[in-house]
Amino acid sequence: MKKTVIALILAAIALPAIATQYAKRGAVLTLKPVNGNAQFNINASAKDGSGICNMEGTAQQIAPGENQKRRWVWNDNSSQCVAVLSEMNNGKASVMTRGCEGYCGASASGLMDGQYKKK
């Protein structure tokens, strides 16, 4: 009996920390909310393979906007790169970046931006 209770408690603690994956054509976003913030990873590539993007970090929670359940902002202290990650009320996620060409290269600029569907 004690083992069952302990297992249920551990599962309840672990469930909120499970990462959610979202995808769009040529890109995958992984979000893992942690204490209000979100650990994230974005991988994207051009159709022809000419450009690849990879960005990861811990984004700080900010107030959600219209039709958003949660929203986070991340910035790279060594560049002008800023990313805004949002979980939408419709179950999708949104990514907007600015000044993040260093994570992609010129041929892949903008590939991380857009609407992602839950996998």
PDB file of N, CA and C in Angstrom:
ATOM      1  N   MET A   1       0.822  -1.196   0.000  1.00  0.00           N
ATOM      2  CA  MET A   1       0.000   0.000   0.000  1.00  0.00           C
ATOM      3  C   MET A   1       0.866   1.260   0.000  1.00  0.00           C
ATOM      4  N   LYS A   2       1.901   1.273   0.856  1.00  0.00           N
ATOM      5  CA  LYS A   2       2.772   2.445   0.921  1.00  0.00           C
ATOM      6  C   LYS A   2       3.478   2.691  -0.412  1.00  0.00           C
ATOM      7  N   LYS A   3       3.898   1.613  -1.071  1.00  0.00           N
ATOM      8  CA  LYS A   3       4.588   1.769  -2.358  1.00  0.00           C
ATOM      9  C   LYS A   3       3.658   2.389  -3.397  1.00  0.00           C
ATOM     10  N   THR A   4       2.383   2.023  -3.382  1.00  0.00           N
ATOM     11  CA  THR A   4       1.418   2.571  -4.325  1.00  0.00           C
ATOM     12  C   THR A   4       1.215   4.061  -4.081  1.00  0.00           C
ATOM     13  N   VAL A   5       1.085   4.439  -2.824  1.00  0.00           N
ATOM     14  CA  VAL A   5       0.891   5.848  -2.486  1.00  0.00           C
ATOM     15  C   VAL A   5       2.117   6.660  -2.897  1.00  0.00           C
ATOM     16  N   ILE A   6       3.301   6.151  -2.621  1.00  0.00           N
ATOM     17  CA  ILE A   6       4.534   6.847  -2.994  1.00  0.00           C
ATOM     18  C   ILE A   6       4.625   6.982  -4.510  1.00  0.00           C
ATOM     19  N   ALA A   7       4.288   5.926  -5.232  1.00  0.00           N
ATOM     20  CA  ALA A   7       4.321   5.974  -6.698  1.00  0.00           C
ATOM     21  C   ALA A   7       3.343   7.017  -7.238  1.00  0.00           C
ATOM     22  N   LEU A   8       2.149   7.103  -6.663  1.00  0.00           N
ATOM     23  CA  LEU A   8       1.168   8.092  -7.103  1.00  0.00           C
ATOM     24  C   LEU A   8       1.642   9.516  -6.812  1.00  0.00           C
ATOM     25  N   ILE A   9       2.250   9.727  -5.664  1.00  0.00           N
ATOM     26  CA  ILE A   9       2.769  11.045  -5.313  1.00  0.00           C
ATOM     27  C   ILE A   9       3.884  11.442  -6.281  1.00  0.00           C
ATOM     28  N   LEU A  10       4.801  10.516  -6.550  1.00  0.00           N
ATOM     29  CA  LEU A  10       5.888  10.803  -7.486  1.00  0.00           C
ATOM     30  C   LEU A  10       5.362  11.102  -8.886  1.00  0.00           C
ATOM     31  N   ALA A  11       4.351  10.370  -9.309  1.00  0.00           N
ATOM     32  CA  ALA A  11       3.762  10.611 -10.627  1.00  0.00           C
ATOM     33  C   ALA A  11       3.094  11.985 -10.673  1.00  0.00           C
ATOM     34  N   ALA A  12       2.407  12.361  -9.611  1.00  0.00           N
ATOM     35  CA  ALA A  12       1.745  13.671  -9.571  1.00  0.00           C
ATOM     36  C   ALA A  12       2.758  14.803  -9.610  1.00  0.00           C
ATOM     37  N   ILE A  13       3.890  14.611  -8.979  1.00  0.00           N
ATOM     38  CA  ILE A  13       4.941  15.628  -8.994  1.00  0.00           C
ATOM     39  C   ILE A  13       5.578  15.711 -10.375  1.00  0.00           C
ATOM     40  N   ALA A  14       5.787  14.577 -11.018  1.00  0.00           N
ATOM     41  CA  ALA A  14       6.481  14.532 -12.307  1.00  0.00           C
ATOM     42  C   ALA A  14       5.615  15.009 -13.469  1.00  0.00           C
ATOM     43  N   LEU A  15       4.303  14.807 -13.410  1.00  0.00           N
ATOM     44  CA  LEU A  15       3.436  15.125 -14.538  1.00  0.00           C
ATOM     45  C   LEU A  15       3.530  16.577 -15.000  1.00  0.00           C
ATOM     46  N   PRO A  16       3.516  17.584 -14.109  1.00  0.00           N
ATOM     47  CA  PRO A  16       3.613  18.948 -14.602  1.00  0.00           C
ATOM     48  C   PRO A  16       4.940  19.266 -15.291  1.00  0.00           C
ATOM     49  N   ALA A  17       5.958  18.471 -15.042  1.00  0.00           N
ATOM     50  CA  ALA A  17       7.283  18.745 -15.596  1.00  0.00           C
ATOM     51  C   ALA A  17       7.519  18.052 -16.937  1.00  0.00           C
ATOM     52  N   ILE A  18       6.515  17.396 -17.476  1.00  0.00           N
ATOM     53  CA  ILE A  18       6.667  16.699 -18.748  1.00  0.00           C
ATOM     54  C   ILE A  18       6.692  17.714 -19.890  1.00  0.00           C
ATOM     55  N   ALA A  19       7.628  17.532 -20.778  1.00  0.00           N
ATOM     56  CA  ALA A  19       7.761  18.432 -21.927  1.00  0.00           C
ATOM     57  C   ALA A  19       6.683  18.120 -22.963  1.00  0.00           C
ATOM     58  N   THR A  20       6.222  19.168 -23.627  1.00  0.00           N
ATOM     59  CA  THR A  20       5.244  19.038 -24.700  1.00  0.00           C
ATOM     60  C   THR A  20       5.931  19.384 -26.009  1.00  0.00           C
ATOM     61  N   GLN A  21       5.695  18.564 -27.029  1.00  0.00           N
ATOM     62  CA  GLN A  21       6.286  18.827 -28.341  1.00  0.00           C
ATOM     63  C   GLN A  21       5.232  19.361 -29.289  1.00  0.00           C
ATOM     64  N   TYR A  22       5.651  20.356 -30.058  1.00  0.00           N
ATOM     65  CA  TYR A  22       4.837  20.967 -31.096  1.00  0.00           C
ATOM     66  C   TYR A  22       5.641  20.898 -32.397  1.00  0.00           C
ATOM     67  N   ALA A  23       4.938  20.875 -33.506  1.00  0.00           N
ATOM     68  CA  ALA A  23       5.644  20.782 -34.788  1.00  0.00           C
ATOM     69  C   ALA A  23       4.936  21.611 -35.852  1.00  0.00           C
ATOM     70  N   LYS A  24       5.717  22.053 -36.807  1.00  0.00           N
ATOM     71  CA  LYS A  24       5.219  22.650 -38.045  1.00  0.00           C
ATOM     72  C   LYS A  24       6.144  22.149 -39.135  1.00  0.00           C
ATOM     73  N   ARG A  25       5.829  22.408 -40.368  1.00  0.00           N
ATOM     74  CA  ARG A  25       6.653  21.921 -41.473  1.00  0.00           C
ATOM     75  C   ARG A  25       8.095  22.406 -41.286  1.00  0.00           C
ATOM     76  N   GLY A  26       9.009  21.460 -41.134  1.00  0.00           N
ATOM     77  CA  GLY A  26      10.427  21.760 -41.030  1.00  0.00           C
ATOM     78  C   GLY A  26      10.913  22.203 -39.667  1.00  0.00           C
ATOM     79  N   ALA A  27      10.060  22.135 -38.620  1.00  0.00           N
ATOM     80  CA  ALA A  27      10.493  22.612 -37.300  1.00  0.00           C
ATOM     81  C   ALA A  27       9.791  21.869 -36.168  1.00  0.00           C
ATOM     82  N   VAL A  28      10.497  21.746 -35.051  1.00  0.00           N
ATOM     83  CA  VAL A  28       9.950  21.131 -33.837  1.00  0.00           C
ATOM     84  C   VAL A  28      10.272  22.041 -32.664  1.00  0.00           C
ATOM     85  N   LEU A  29       9.280  22.267 -31.814  1.00  0.00           N
ATOM     86  CA  LEU A  29       9.407  23.053 -30.595  1.00  0.00           C
ATOM     87  C   LEU A  29       9.100  22.155 -29.412  1.00  0.00           C
ATOM     88  N   THR A  30       9.975  22.145 -28.424  1.00  0.00           N
ATOM     89  CA  THR A  30       9.732  21.415 -27.181  1.00  0.00           C
ATOM     90  C   THR A  30       9.648  22.436 -26.059  1.00  0.00           C
ATOM     91  N   LEU A  31       8.550  22.396 -25.292  1.00  0.00           N
ATOM     92  CA  LEU A  31       8.338  23.300 -24.165  1.00  0.00           C
ATOM     93  C   LEU A  31       8.152  22.490 -22.887  1.00  0.00           C
ATOM     94  N   LYS A  32       8.839  22.907 -21.843  1.00  0.00           N
ATOM     95  CA  LYS A  32       8.715  22.245 -20.544  1.00  0.00           C
ATOM     96  C   LYS A  32       8.588  23.325 -19.479  1.00  0.00           C
ATOM     97  N   PRO A  33       7.340  23.645 -19.057  1.00  0.00           N
ATOM     98  CA  PRO A  33       7.164  24.634 -17.997  1.00  0.00           C
ATOM     99  C   PRO A  33       7.808  24.165 -16.692  1.00  0.00           C
ATOM    100  N   VAL A  34       8.565  25.076 -16.054  1.00  0.00           N
ATOM    101  CA  VAL A  34       9.247  24.772 -14.799  1.00  0.00           C
ATOM    102  C   VAL A  34       9.158  26.007 -13.904  1.00  0.00           C
ATOM    103  N   ASN A  35       8.400  25.914 -12.824  1.00  0.00           N
ATOM    104  CA  ASN A  35       8.268  27.017 -11.860  1.00  0.00           C
ATOM    105  C   ASN A  35       7.889  28.339 -12.522  1.00  0.00           C
ATOM    106  N   GLY A  36       6.943  28.312 -13.436  1.00  0.00           N
ATOM    107  CA  GLY A  36       6.497  29.517 -14.120  1.00  0.00           C
ATOM    108  C   GLY A  36       7.285  29.834 -15.378  1.00  0.00           C
ATOM    109  N   ASN A  37       8.550  29.470 -15.413  1.00  0.00           N
ATOM    110  CA  ASN A  37       9.371  29.685 -16.606  1.00  0.00           C
ATOM    111  C   ASN A  37       9.212  28.490 -17.540  1.00  0.00           C
ATOM    112  N   ALA A  38       9.927  28.475 -18.648  1.00  0.00           N
ATOM    113  CA  ALA A  38       9.824  27.354 -19.583  1.00  0.00           C
ATOM    114  C   ALA A  38      11.182  27.029 -20.182  1.00  0.00           C
ATOM    115  N   GLN A  39      11.574  25.783 -20.053  1.00  0.00           N
ATOM    116  CA  GLN A  39      12.743  25.305 -20.776  1.00  0.00           C
ATOM    117  C   GLN A  39      12.249  24.987 -22.181  1.00  0.00           C
ATOM    118  N   PHE A  40      13.015  25.380 -23.183  1.00  0.00           N
ATOM    119  CA  PHE A  40      12.557  25.166 -24.552  1.00  0.00           C
ATOM    120  C   PHE A  40      13.715  24.759 -25.453  1.00  0.00           C
ATOM    121  N   ASN A  41      13.338  24.169 -26.573  1.00  0.00           N
ATOM    122  CA  ASN A  41      14.281  23.806 -27.618  1.00  0.00           C
ATOM    123  C   ASN A  41      13.548  23.950 -28.936  1.00  0.00           C
ATOM    124  N   ILE A  42      14.171  24.627 -29.892  1.00  0.00           N
ATOM    125  CA  ILE A  42      13.601  24.770 -31.231  1.00  0.00           C
ATOM    126  C   ILE A  42      14.633  24.269 -32.233  1.00  0.00           C
ATOM    127  N   ASN A  43      14.212  23.348 -33.092  1.00  0.00           N
ATOM    128  CA  ASN A  43      15.046  22.856 -34.191  1.00  0.00           C
ATOM    129  C   ASN A  43      14.259  23.063 -35.475  1.00  0.00           C
ATOM    130  N   ALA A  44      14.899  23.698 -36.450  1.00  0.00           N
ATOM    131  CA  ALA A  44      14.236  23.950 -37.728  1.00  0.00           C
ATOM    132  C   ALA A  44      15.245  23.795 -38.853  1.00  0.00           C
ATOM    133  N   SER A  45      14.732  23.452 -40.035  1.00  0.00           N
ATOM    134  CA  SER A  45      15.615  23.332 -41.194  1.00  0.00           C
ATOM    135  C   SER A  45      14.861  23.696 -42.466  1.00  0.00           C
ATOM    136  N   ALA A  46      15.610  24.202 -43.428  1.00  0.00           N
ATOM    137  CA  ALA A  46      15.042  24.532 -44.730  1.00  0.00           C
ATOM    138  C   ALA A  46      14.721  23.241 -45.485  1.00  0.00           C
ATOM    139  N   LYS A  47      13.754  23.302 -46.397  1.00  0.00           N
ATOM    140  CA  LYS A  47      13.349  22.120 -47.167  1.00  0.00           C
ATOM    141  C   LYS A  47      14.523  21.453 -47.869  1.00  0.00           C
ATOM    142  N   ASP A  48      15.392  22.266 -48.432  1.00  0.00           N
ATOM    143  CA  ASP A  48      16.511  21.709 -49.192  1.00  0.00           C
ATOM    144  C   ASP A  48      17.746  21.425 -48.325  1.00  0.00           C
ATOM    145  N   GLY A  49      17.617  21.638 -47.029  1.00  0.00           N
ATOM    146  CA  GLY A  49      18.733  21.363 -46.127  1.00  0.00           C
ATOM    147  C   GLY A  49      19.819  22.424 -46.133  1.00  0.00           C
ATOM    148  N   SER A  50      19.549  23.549 -46.782  1.00  0.00           N
ATOM    149  CA  SER A  50      20.575  24.586 -46.897  1.00  0.00           C
ATOM    150  C   SER A  50      20.784  25.377 -45.610  1.00  0.00           C
ATOM    151  N   GLY A  51      19.844  25.295 -44.692  1.00  0.00           N
ATOM    152  CA  GLY A  51      19.973  26.024 -43.439  1.00  0.00           C
ATOM    153  C   GLY A  51      19.342  25.284 -42.284  1.00  0.00           C
ATOM    154  N   ILE A  52      19.966  25.369 -41.144  1.00  0.00           N
ATOM    155  CA  ILE A  52      19.480  24.694 -39.947  1.00  0.00           C
ATOM    156  C   ILE A  52      19.496  25.687 -38.794  1.00  0.00           C
ATOM    157  N   CYS A  53      18.460  25.637 -37.943  1.00  0.00           N
ATOM    158  CA  CYS A  53      18.379  26.480 -36.752  1.00  0.00           C
ATOM    159  C   CYS A  53      18.316  25.594 -35.520  1.00  0.00           C
ATOM    160  N   ASN A  54      18.947  26.047 -34.453  1.00  0.00           N
ATOM    161  CA  ASN A  54      18.850  25.361 -33.172  1.00  0.00           C
ATOM    162  C   ASN A  54      18.970  26.403 -32.077  1.00  0.00           C
ATOM    163  N   MET A  55      17.965  26.479 -31.231  1.00  0.00           N
ATOM    164  CA  MET A  55      17.961  27.425 -30.125  1.00  0.00           C
ATOM    165  C   MET A  55      17.387  26.714 -28.910  1.00  0.00           C
ATOM    166  N   GLU A  56      17.984  26.950 -27.743  1.00  0.00           N
ATOM    167  CA  GLU A  56      17.454  26.363 -26.514  1.00  0.00           C
ATOM    168  C   GLU A  56      17.810  27.253 -25.340  1.00  0.00           C
ATOM    169  N   GLY A  57      17.034  27.121 -24.275  1.00  0.00           N
ATOM    170  CA  GLY A  57      17.293  27.914 -23.083  1.00  0.00           C
ATOM    171  C   GLY A  57      16.116  27.857 -22.135  1.00  0.00           C
ATOM    172  N   THR A  58      16.112  28.763 -21.175  1.00  0.00           N
ATOM    173  CA  THR A  58      15.013  28.893 -20.228  1.00  0.00           C
ATOM    174  C   THR A  58      14.421  30.282 -20.392  1.00  0.00           C
ATOM    175  N   ALA A  59      13.161  30.339 -20.796  1.00  0.00           N
ATOM    176  CA  ALA A  59      12.464  31.599 -21.035  1.00  0.00           C
ATOM    177  C   ALA A  59      11.703  32.018 -19.781  1.00  0.00           C
ATOM    178  N   GLN A  60      11.630  33.325 -19.564  1.00  0.00           N
ATOM    179  CA  GLN A  60      10.948  33.890 -18.405  1.00  0.00           C
ATOM    180  C   GLN A  60       9.480  34.130 -18.731  1.00  0.00           C
ATOM    181  N   GLN A  61       8.605  33.786 -17.798  1.00  0.00           N
ATOM    182  CA  GLN A  61       7.175  33.967 -18.019  1.00  0.00           C
ATOM    183  C   GLN A  61       6.806  35.445 -17.986  1.00  0.00           C
ATOM    184  N   ILE A  62       5.933  35.827 -18.927  1.00  0.00           N
ATOM    185  CA  ILE A  62       5.365  37.172 -18.957  1.00  0.00           C
ATOM    186  C   ILE A  62       3.854  37.028 -19.088  1.00  0.00           C
ATOM    187  N   ALA A  63       3.136  38.125 -18.956  1.00  0.00           N
ATOM    188  CA  ALA A  63       1.673  38.075 -19.029  1.00  0.00           C
ATOM    189  C   ALA A  63       1.221  37.612 -20.408  1.00  0.00           C
ATOM    190  N   PRO A  64       0.242  36.707 -20.453  1.00  0.00           N
ATOM    191  CA  PRO A  64      -0.250  36.246 -21.754  1.00  0.00           C
ATOM    192  C   PRO A  64      -1.053  37.333 -22.454  1.00  0.00           C
ATOM    193  N   GLY A  65      -1.041  37.264 -23.777  1.00  0.00           N
ATOM    194  CA  GLY A  65      -1.819  38.181 -24.591  1.00  0.00           C
ATOM    195  C   GLY A  65      -3.170  37.566 -24.935  1.00  0.00           C
ATOM    196  N   GLU A  66      -3.861  38.196 -25.858  1.00  0.00           N
ATOM    197  CA  GLU A  66      -5.168  37.715 -26.290  1.00  0.00           C
ATOM    198  C   GLU A  66      -5.046  36.322 -26.907  1.00  0.00           C
ATOM    199  N   ASN A  67      -5.927  35.416 -26.523  1.00  0.00           N
ATOM    200  CA  ASN A  67      -5.980  34.032 -27.003  1.00  0.00           C
ATOM    201  C   ASN A  67      -4.766  33.202 -26.595  1.00  0.00           C
ATOM    202  N   GLN A  68      -4.017  33.657 -25.601  1.00  0.00           N
ATOM    203  CA  GLN A  68      -2.848  32.914 -25.127  1.00  0.00           C
ATOM    204  C   GLN A  68      -3.097  32.382 -23.720  1.00  0.00           C
ATOM    205  N   LYS A  69      -2.707  31.132 -23.519  1.00  0.00           N
ATOM    206  CA  LYS A  69      -2.794  30.527 -22.192  1.00  0.00           C
ATOM    207  C   LYS A  69      -1.587  30.931 -21.349  1.00  0.00           C
ATOM    208  N   ARG A  70      -0.382  30.839 -21.949  1.00  0.00           N
ATOM    209  CA  ARG A  70       0.865  31.220 -21.281  1.00  0.00           C
ATOM    210  C   ARG A  70       1.813  31.806 -22.315  1.00  0.00           C
ATOM    211  N   ARG A  71       2.724  32.665 -21.827  1.00  0.00           N
ATOM    212  CA  ARG A  71       3.686  33.286 -22.739  1.00  0.00           C
ATOM    213  C   ARG A  71       5.006  33.503 -21.994  1.00  0.00           C
ATOM    214  N   TRP A  72       6.117  33.301 -22.731  1.00  0.00           N
ATOM    215  CA  TRP A  72       7.455  33.454 -22.176  1.00  0.00           C
ATOM    216  C   TRP A  72       8.319  34.253 -23.141  1.00  0.00           C
ATOM    217  N   VAL A  73       9.343  34.905 -22.591  1.00  0.00           N
ATOM    218  CA  VAL A  73      10.302  35.634 -23.426  1.00  0.00           C
ATOM    219  C   VAL A  73      11.712  35.166 -23.052  1.00  0.00           C
ATOM    220  N   TRP A  74      12.546  35.036 -24.071  1.00  0.00           N
ATOM    221  CA  TRP A  74      13.941  34.635 -23.886  1.00  0.00           C
ATOM    222  C   TRP A  74      14.820  35.578 -24.674  1.00  0.00           C
ATOM    223  N   ASN A  75      15.926  35.975 -24.092  1.00  0.00           N
ATOM    224  CA  ASN A  75      16.879  36.771 -24.862  1.00  0.00           C
ATOM    225  C   ASN A  75      18.283  36.262 -24.605  1.00  0.00           C
ATOM    226  N   ASP A  76      19.075  36.382 -25.628  1.00  0.00           N
ATOM    227  CA  ASP A  76      20.467  35.964 -25.590  1.00  0.00           C
ATOM    228  C   ASP A  76      21.293  37.168 -25.150  1.00  0.00           C
ATOM    229  N   ASN A  77      21.919  37.073 -24.009  1.00  0.00           N
ATOM    230  CA  ASN A  77      22.685  38.198 -23.475  1.00  0.00           C
ATOM    231  C   ASN A  77      23.899  38.555 -24.322  1.00  0.00           C
ATOM    232  N   SER A  78      24.319  37.665 -25.219  1.00  0.00           N
ATOM    233  CA  SER A  78      25.501  37.944 -26.038  1.00  0.00           C
ATOM    234  C   SER A  78      25.152  38.467 -27.431  1.00  0.00           C
ATOM    235  N   SER A  79      23.860  38.634 -27.725  1.00  0.00           N
ATOM    236  CA  SER A  79      23.434  39.179 -29.017  1.00  0.00           C
ATOM    237  C   SER A  79      22.116  39.914 -28.823  1.00  0.00           C
ATOM    238  N   GLN A  80      21.514  40.319 -29.922  1.00  0.00           N
ATOM    239  CA  GLN A  80      20.223  41.012 -29.863  1.00  0.00           C
ATOM    240  C   GLN A  80      19.048  40.061 -30.027  1.00  0.00           C
ATOM    241  N   CYS A  81      19.297  38.765 -30.017  1.00  0.00           N
ATOM    242  CA  CYS A  81      18.259  37.767 -30.244  1.00  0.00           C
ATOM    243  C   CYS A  81      17.223  37.758 -29.117  1.00  0.00           C
ATOM    244  N   VAL A  82      15.941  37.819 -29.507  1.00  0.00           N
ATOM    245  CA  VAL A  82      14.826  37.722 -28.580  1.00  0.00           C
ATOM    246  C   VAL A  82      13.811  36.746 -29.175  1.00  0.00           C
ATOM    247  N   ALA A  83      13.298  35.856 -28.336  1.00  0.00           N
ATOM    248  CA  ALA A  83      12.260  34.915 -28.765  1.00  0.00           C
ATOM    249  C   ALA A  83      11.076  35.012 -27.813  1.00  0.00           C
ATOM    250  N   VAL A  84       9.875  35.031 -28.369  1.00  0.00           N
ATOM    251  CA  VAL A  84       8.648  35.009 -27.583  1.00  0.00           C
ATOM    252  C   VAL A  84       7.937  33.704 -27.911  1.00  0.00           C
ATOM    253  N   LEU A  85       7.697  32.907 -26.884  1.00  0.00           N
ATOM    254  CA  LEU A  85       7.056  31.602 -27.022  1.00  0.00           C
ATOM    255  C   LEU A  85       5.698  31.662 -26.346  1.00  0.00           C
ATOM    256  N   SER A  86       4.669  31.193 -27.018  1.00  0.00           N
ATOM    257  CA  SER A  86       3.316  31.263 -26.466  1.00  0.00           C
ATOM    258  C   SER A  86       2.605  29.936 -26.615  1.00  0.00           C
ATOM    259  N   GLU A  87       1.890  29.532 -25.562  1.00  0.00           N
ATOM    260  CA  GLU A  87       0.927  28.441 -25.661  1.00  0.00           C
ATOM    261  C   GLU A  87      -0.423  29.096 -25.869  1.00  0.00           C
ATOM    262  N   MET A  88      -1.098  28.725 -26.941  1.00  0.00           N
ATOM    263  CA  MET A  88      -2.358  29.348 -27.299  1.00  0.00           C
ATOM    264  C   MET A  88      -3.530  28.592 -26.666  1.00  0.00           C
ATOM    265  N   ASN A  89      -4.660  29.278 -26.527  1.00  0.00           N
ATOM    266  CA  ASN A  89      -5.858  28.650 -25.978  1.00  0.00           C
ATOM    267  C   ASN A  89      -6.384  27.527 -26.864  1.00  0.00           C
ATOM    268  N   ASN A  90      -6.048  27.546 -28.160  1.00  0.00           N
ATOM    269  CA  ASN A  90      -6.531  26.524 -29.091  1.00  0.00           C
ATOM    270  C   ASN A  90      -5.641  25.270 -29.119  1.00  0.00           C
ATOM    271  N   GLY A  91      -4.644  25.198 -28.204  1.00  0.00           N
ATOM    272  CA  GLY A  91      -3.789  24.019 -28.125  1.00  0.00           C
ATOM    273  C   GLY A  91      -2.530  24.093 -28.972  1.00  0.00           C
ATOM    274  N   LYS A  92      -2.379  25.148 -29.743  1.00  0.00           N
ATOM    275  CA  LYS A  92      -1.180  25.327 -30.562  1.00  0.00           C
ATOM    276  C   LYS A  92      -0.158  26.149 -29.790  1.00  0.00           C
ATOM    277  N   ALA A  93       1.010  26.314 -30.382  1.00  0.00           N
ATOM    278  CA  ALA A  93       2.057  27.166 -29.820  1.00  0.00           C
ATOM    279  C   ALA A  93       2.518  28.124 -30.904  1.00  0.00           C
ATOM    280  N   SER A  94       3.060  29.242 -30.479  1.00  0.00           N
ATOM    281  CA  SER A  94       3.529  30.260 -31.405  1.00  0.00           C
ATOM    282  C   SER A  94       4.942  30.678 -31.023  1.00  0.00           C
ATOM    283  N   VAL A  95       5.772  30.906 -32.034  1.00  0.00           N
ATOM    284  CA  VAL A  95       7.137  31.391 -31.825  1.00  0.00           C
ATOM    285  C   VAL A  95       7.341  32.626 -32.686  1.00  0.00           C
ATOM    286  N   MET A  96       7.866  33.681 -32.051  1.00  0.00           N
ATOM    287  CA  MET A  96       8.261  34.892 -32.777  1.00  0.00           C
ATOM    288  C   MET A  96       9.691  35.206 -32.353  1.00  0.00           C
ATOM    289  N   THR A  97      10.573  35.395 -33.329  1.00  0.00           N
ATOM    290  CA  THR A  97      11.961  35.725 -33.015  1.00  0.00           C
ATOM    291  C   THR A  97      12.339  37.036 -33.691  1.00  0.00           C
ATOM    292  N   ARG A  98      13.368  37.656 -33.132  1.00  0.00           N
ATOM    293  CA  ARG A  98      13.892  38.886 -33.733  1.00  0.00           C
ATOM    294  C   ARG A  98      15.388  38.943 -33.461  1.00  0.00           C
ATOM    295  N   GLY A  99      16.155  39.169 -34.493  1.00  0.00           N
ATOM    296  CA  GLY A  99      17.600  39.288 -34.356  1.00  0.00           C
ATOM    297  C   GLY A  99      18.303  37.977 -34.048  1.00  0.00           C
ATOM    298  N   CYS A 100      17.718  36.858 -34.439  1.00  0.00           N
ATOM    299  CA  CYS A 100      18.262  35.540 -34.088  1.00  0.00           C
ATOM    300  C   CYS A 100      18.947  34.841 -35.256  1.00  0.00           C
ATOM    301  N   GLU A 101      19.381  35.586 -36.252  1.00  0.00           N
ATOM    302  CA  GLU A 101      20.021  34.997 -37.424  1.00  0.00           C
ATOM    303  C   GLU A 101      21.249  34.179 -37.049  1.00  0.00           C
ATOM    304  N   GLY A 102      21.911  34.517 -35.968  1.00  0.00           N
ATOM    305  CA  GLY A 102      23.094  33.783 -35.521  1.00  0.00           C
ATOM    306  C   GLY A 102      22.803  32.346 -35.135  1.00  0.00           C
ATOM    307  N   TYR A 103      21.541  32.026 -34.876  1.00  0.00           N
ATOM    308  CA  TYR A 103      21.158  30.658 -34.540  1.00  0.00           C
ATOM    309  C   TYR A 103      20.790  29.862 -35.780  1.00  0.00           C
ATOM    310  N   CYS A 104      20.692  30.537 -36.906  1.00  0.00           N
ATOM    311  CA  CYS A 104      20.231  29.874 -38.125  1.00  0.00           C
ATOM    312  C   CYS A 104      21.159  30.063 -39.314  1.00  0.00           C
ATOM    313  N   GLY A 105      21.755  31.185 -39.443  1.00  0.00           N
ATOM    314  CA  GLY A 105      22.432  31.528 -40.669  1.00  0.00           C
ATOM    315  C   GLY A 105      21.457  32.251 -41.584  1.00  0.00           C
ATOM    316  N   ALA A 106      21.980  33.022 -42.504  1.00  0.00           N
ATOM    317  CA  ALA A 106      21.147  33.874 -43.356  1.00  0.00           C
ATOM    318  C   ALA A 106      20.139  33.079 -44.181  1.00  0.00           C
ATOM    319  N   SER A 107      20.520  31.895 -44.661  1.00  0.00           N
ATOM    320  CA  SER A 107      19.614  31.126 -45.536  1.00  0.00           C
ATOM    321  C   SER A 107      18.442  30.522 -44.779  1.00  0.00           C
ATOM    322  N   ALA A 108      18.510  30.462 -43.453  1.00  0.00           N
ATOM    323  CA  ALA A 108      17.439  29.848 -42.664  1.00  0.00           C
ATOM    324  C   ALA A 108      16.718  30.854 -41.774  1.00  0.00           C
ATOM    325  N   SER A 109      16.980  32.120 -41.953  1.00  0.00           N
ATOM    326  CA  SER A 109      16.370  33.162 -41.130  1.00  0.00           C
ATOM    327  C   SER A 109      14.847  33.070 -41.171  1.00  0.00           C
ATOM    328  N   GLY A 110      14.215  33.103 -40.025  1.00  0.00           N
ATOM    329  CA  GLY A 110      12.754  33.063 -39.929  1.00  0.00           C
ATOM    330  C   GLY A 110      12.138  31.680 -39.885  1.00  0.00           C
ATOM    331  N   LEU A 111      12.933  30.637 -40.019  1.00  0.00           N
ATOM    332  CA  LEU A 111      12.368  29.277 -40.039  1.00  0.00           C
ATOM    333  C   LEU A 111      11.750  28.859 -38.710  1.00  0.00           C
ATOM    334  N   MET A 112      12.190  29.442 -37.603  1.00  0.00           N
ATOM    335  CA  MET A 112      11.645  29.073 -36.289  1.00  0.00           C
ATOM    336  C   MET A 112      10.299  29.722 -36.027  1.00  0.00           C
ATOM    337  N   ASP A 113      10.016  30.841 -36.692  1.00  0.00           N
ATOM    338  CA  ASP A 113       8.790  31.614 -36.434  1.00  0.00           C
ATOM    339  C   ASP A 113       7.565  30.901 -36.980  1.00  0.00           C
ATOM    340  N   GLY A 114       6.436  31.144 -36.309  1.00  0.00           N
ATOM    341  CA  GLY A 114       5.153  30.648 -36.814  1.00  0.00           C
ATOM    342  C   GLY A 114       4.363  29.874 -35.786  1.00  0.00           C
ATOM    343  N   GLN A 115       3.275  29.272 -36.286  1.00  0.00           N
ATOM    344  CA  GLN A 115       2.368  28.466 -35.463  1.00  0.00           C
ATOM    345  C   GLN A 115       2.764  27.001 -35.515  1.00  0.00           C
ATOM    346  N   TYR A 116       2.771  26.361 -34.362  1.00  0.00           N
ATOM    347  CA  TYR A 116       3.122  24.949 -34.218  1.00  0.00           C
ATOM    348  C   TYR A 116       1.908  24.200 -33.689  1.00  0.00           C
ATOM    349  N   LYS A 117       1.698  22.975 -34.185  1.00  0.00           N
ATOM    350  CA  LYS A 117       0.625  22.116 -33.691  1.00  0.00           C
ATOM    351  C   LYS A 117       1.190  21.106 -32.720  1.00  0.00           C
ATOM    352  N   LYS A 118       0.401  20.738 -31.716  1.00  0.00           N
ATOM    353  CA  LYS A 118       0.840  19.749 -30.740  1.00  0.00           C
ATOM    354  C   LYS A 118       1.007  18.406 -31.418  1.00  0.00           C
ATOM    355  N   LYS A 119       2.126  17.738 -31.133  1.00  0.00           N
ATOM    356  CA  LYS A 119       2.414  16.426 -31.724  1.00  0.00           C
ATOM    357  C   LYS A 119       1.614  15.350 -31.050  1.00  0.00           C
TER     358      LYS A 119
END
